Amino acid sequence: MKHYIVHPAATMAGHQVLRSVSHHQHQQLIASLSAVISVQLWPHQIATIEALIAGYQEMGTLNEEIVREYLPCENEVAQLYPAD
């Protein structure tokens, strides 16, 4: 038997999160956790998970920006020092 509890306060808007995810992402998180046989979540746990997701998304964006900035340099180096 599946036992799944999300404490009501955990789904309420207004819980302070340093980095936030969209409402849709929040709902996806809640839905994906429903596949777990037994889980009990508190607001701070959901906020932590959301902050981690948002942080990884920010890191991905930053990585894309770094690649865009340095790709021309890599191409120039590749032309100057072709592989044998």
C-alpha atoms as a PDB file:
ATOM      1  CA  MET A   1       0.000   0.000   0.000  1.00  0.00           C
ATOM      2  CA  LYS A   2       1.324   3.414  -0.960  1.00  0.00           C
ATOM      3  CA  HIS A   3       1.670   5.893   1.881  1.00  0.00           C
ATOM      4  CA  TYR A   4       2.268   9.461   0.750  1.00  0.00           C
ATOM      5  CA  ILE A   5       2.035  12.560   2.901  1.00  0.00           C
ATOM      6  CA  VAL A   6       2.820  16.108   1.931  1.00  0.00           C
ATOM      7  CA  HIS A   7       2.115  18.260   4.925  1.00  0.00           C
ATOM      8  CA  PRO A   8      -0.311  21.052   3.983  1.00  0.00           C
ATOM      9  CA  ALA A   9       2.129  23.809   4.823  1.00  0.00           C
ATOM     10  CA  ALA A  10       4.589  22.266   2.380  1.00  0.00           C
ATOM     11  CA  THR A  11       2.405  23.098  -0.592  1.00  0.00           C
ATOM     12  CA  MET A  12       1.478  26.592   0.518  1.00  0.00           C
ATOM     13  CA  ALA A  13       2.923  29.536  -1.368  1.00  0.00           C
ATOM     14  CA  GLY A  14       4.843  32.018   0.679  1.00  0.00           C
ATOM     15  CA  HIS A  15       7.342  29.632   2.218  1.00  0.00           C
ATOM     16  CA  GLN A  16      10.686  31.429   2.005  1.00  0.00           C
ATOM     17  CA  VAL A  17      13.040  29.859  -0.543  1.00  0.00           C
ATOM     18  CA  LEU A  18      16.346  31.473  -1.436  1.00  0.00           C
ATOM     19  CA  ARG A  19      16.030  30.239  -4.997  1.00  0.00           C
ATOM     20  CA  SER A  20      12.604  29.459  -6.325  1.00  0.00           C
ATOM     21  CA  VAL A  21      11.261  27.157  -8.984  1.00  0.00           C
ATOM     22  CA  SER A  22       8.156  27.745 -11.035  1.00  0.00           C
ATOM     23  CA  HIS A  23       4.748  26.597  -9.840  1.00  0.00           C
ATOM     24  CA  HIS A  24       4.788  23.967 -12.600  1.00  0.00           C
ATOM     25  CA  GLN A  25       8.179  22.651 -11.414  1.00  0.00           C
ATOM     26  CA  HIS A  26       6.883  22.580  -7.841  1.00  0.00           C
ATOM     27  CA  GLN A  27       3.892  20.505  -8.952  1.00  0.00           C
ATOM     28  CA  GLN A  28       6.184  18.179 -10.935  1.00  0.00           C
ATOM     29  CA  LEU A  29       8.314  17.673  -7.837  1.00  0.00           C
ATOM     30  CA  ILE A  30       5.270  16.782  -5.746  1.00  0.00           C
ATOM     31  CA  ALA A  31       3.967  14.435  -8.465  1.00  0.00           C
ATOM     32  CA  SER A  32       7.310  12.679  -8.948  1.00  0.00           C
ATOM     33  CA  LEU A  33       7.617  12.055  -5.229  1.00  0.00           C
ATOM     34  CA  SER A  34       4.217  10.344  -5.261  1.00  0.00           C
ATOM     35  CA  ALA A  35       5.854   7.305  -6.895  1.00  0.00           C
ATOM     36  CA  VAL A  36       7.773   6.659  -3.690  1.00  0.00           C
ATOM     37  CA  ILE A  37       6.231   3.948  -1.529  1.00  0.00           C
ATOM     38  CA  SER A  38       6.387   5.945   1.685  1.00  0.00           C
ATOM     39  CA  VAL A  39       7.515   9.526   2.114  1.00  0.00           C
ATOM     40  CA  GLN A  40       6.755  12.298   4.536  1.00  0.00           C
ATOM     41  CA  LEU A  41       7.700  15.827   3.543  1.00  0.00           C
ATOM     42  CA  TRP A  42       7.892  19.015   5.549  1.00  0.00           C
ATOM     43  CA  PRO A  43       8.026  22.563   4.156  1.00  0.00           C
ATOM     44  CA  HIS A  44      11.752  22.975   4.767  1.00  0.00           C
ATOM     45  CA  GLN A  45      12.482  19.730   2.904  1.00  0.00           C
ATOM     46  CA  ILE A  46      10.511  20.803  -0.148  1.00  0.00           C
ATOM     47  CA  ALA A  47      12.136  24.243   0.014  1.00  0.00           C
ATOM     48  CA  THR A  48      15.570  22.612   0.148  1.00  0.00           C
ATOM     49  CA  ILE A  49      14.806  20.358  -2.822  1.00  0.00           C
ATOM     50  CA  GLU A  50      13.453  23.316  -4.789  1.00  0.00           C
ATOM     51  CA  ALA A  51      16.539  25.388  -3.929  1.00  0.00           C
ATOM     52  CA  LEU A  52      18.792  22.564  -5.121  1.00  0.00           C
ATOM     53  CA  ILE A  53      16.862  22.237  -8.390  1.00  0.00           C
ATOM     54  CA  ALA A  54      16.990  25.995  -8.959  1.00  0.00           C
ATOM     55  CA  GLY A  55      20.690  26.063  -8.087  1.00  0.00           C
ATOM     56  CA  TYR A  56      21.482  23.332 -10.599  1.00  0.00           C
ATOM     57  CA  GLN A  57      19.454  25.188 -13.230  1.00  0.00           C
ATOM     58  CA  GLU A  58      21.435  28.362 -12.508  1.00  0.00           C
ATOM     59  CA  MET A  59      24.683  26.392 -12.787  1.00  0.00           C
ATOM     60  CA  GLY A  60      23.552  25.059 -16.164  1.00  0.00           C
ATOM     61  CA  THR A  61      22.798  28.579 -17.368  1.00  0.00           C
ATOM     62  CA  LEU A  62      26.172  29.795 -16.126  1.00  0.00           C
ATOM     63  CA  ASN A  63      27.911  26.891 -17.879  1.00  0.00           C
ATOM     64  CA  GLU A  64      26.154  27.802 -21.134  1.00  0.00           C
ATOM     65  CA  GLU A  65      27.318  31.408 -20.760  1.00  0.00           C
ATOM     66  CA  ILE A  66      30.903  30.285 -20.128  1.00  0.00           C
ATOM     67  CA  VAL A  67      30.843  28.027 -23.191  1.00  0.00           C
ATOM     68  CA  ARG A  68      29.493  30.859 -25.359  1.00  0.00           C
ATOM     69  CA  GLU A  69      32.208  33.187 -24.054  1.00  0.00           C
ATOM     70  CA  TYR A  70      35.143  30.814 -24.502  1.00  0.00           C
ATOM     71  CA  LEU A  71      34.108  28.828 -27.575  1.00  0.00           C
ATOM     72  CA  PRO A  72      35.609  31.379 -29.987  1.00  0.00           C
ATOM     73  CA  CYS A  73      38.907  31.102 -28.060  1.00  0.00           C
ATOM     74  CA  GLU A  74      38.838  27.321 -28.314  1.00  0.00           C
ATOM     75  CA  ASN A  75      38.233  27.547 -32.058  1.00  0.00           C
ATOM     76  CA  GLU A  76      41.152  29.965 -32.421  1.00  0.00           C
ATOM     77  CA  VAL A  77      43.461  27.676 -30.421  1.00  0.00           C
ATOM     78  CA  ALA A  78      42.333  24.697 -32.511  1.00  0.00           C
ATOM     79  CA  GLN A  79      43.265  26.586 -35.680  1.00  0.00           C
ATOM     80  CA  LEU A  80      46.639  27.671 -34.278  1.00  0.00           C
ATOM     81  CA  TYR A  81      47.519  24.198 -32.994  1.00  0.00           C
ATOM     82  CA  PRO A  82      45.821  21.625 -35.226  1.00  0.00           C
ATOM     83  CA  ALA A  83      45.743  18.038 -34.006  1.00  0.00           C
ATOM     84  CA  ASP A  84      48.012  15.695 -35.934  1.00  0.00           C
END
